[in-house]
């Protein structure tokens, strides 16, 4: 595993936001789900790039 904790935190944040996308999608809040999806994509991308 990596020694850079920022990468692990960003990956966890991205997975957490994916859970938010699923939750908001089930509630019918499409705008909130879209915002969470964009945030999740950026967080996972940042985590991969920091790796």
Protein backbone atom coordinates (compact mmCIF):
# COMPACT_ATOMS: atom_id res chain seq x y z
CA UNK A 1 0.00 0.00 0.00
CA UNK A 2 0.99 3.58 -0.29
CA UNK A 3 2.60 5.61 2.44
CA UNK A 4 0.74 8.71 1.37
CA UNK A 5 -2.35 9.05 3.58
CA UNK A 6 -3.83 11.74 1.39
CA UNK A 7 -4.35 9.21 -1.37
CA UNK A 8 -6.17 6.79 0.94
CA UNK A 9 -8.35 9.58 2.35
CA UNK A 10 -9.30 10.77 -1.12
CA UNK A 11 -10.23 7.24 -2.21
CA UNK A 12 -12.36 6.81 0.93
CA UNK A 13 -14.04 10.17 0.30
CA UNK A 14 -14.82 9.14 -3.27
CA UNK A 15 -16.40 5.87 -2.12
CA UNK A 16 -18.38 7.75 0.53
CA UNK A 17 -19.70 10.13 -2.11
CA UNK A 18 -20.68 7.19 -4.34
CA UNK A 19 -22.87 6.04 -1.46
CA UNK A 20 -24.38 9.51 -1.45
CA UNK A 21 -25.12 9.22 -5.16
CA UNK A 22 -26.99 5.96 -4.58
CA UNK A 23 -28.91 7.38 -1.63
CA UNK A 24 -29.88 10.62 -3.33
CA UNK A 25 -30.78 8.76 -6.50
CA UNK A 26 -33.23 6.56 -4.59
CA UNK A 27 -34.80 9.65 -3.04
CA UNK A 28 -35.27 11.26 -6.46
CA UNK A 29 -32.88 14.16 -5.87
CA UNK A 30 -31.16 14.17 -9.23
CA UNK A 31 -29.29 17.45 -8.80
CA UNK A 32 -27.78 16.35 -5.49
CA UNK A 33 -26.85 12.98 -6.97
CA UNK A 34 -25.15 14.71 -9.88
CA UNK A 35 -23.15 16.99 -7.59
CA UNK A 36 -22.08 14.00 -5.48
CA UNK A 37 -21.13 12.05 -8.62
CA UNK A 38 -18.90 14.88 -9.83
CA UNK A 39 -17.29 15.15 -6.39
CA UNK A 40 -16.76 11.39 -6.24
CA UNK A 41 -15.12 11.35 -9.65
CA UNK A 42 -12.80 14.20 -8.69
CA UNK A 43 -11.90 12.60 -5.33
CA UNK A 44 -11.14 9.19 -6.85
CA UNK A 45 -9.12 10.81 -9.62
CA UNK A 46 -7.13 12.79 -7.07
CA UNK A 47 -6.53 9.64 -5.01
CA UNK A 48 -5.25 7.74 -8.03
CA UNK A 49 -3.02 10.60 -9.11
CA UNK A 50 -1.53 10.96 -5.60
CA UNK A 51 -0.85 7.23 -5.44
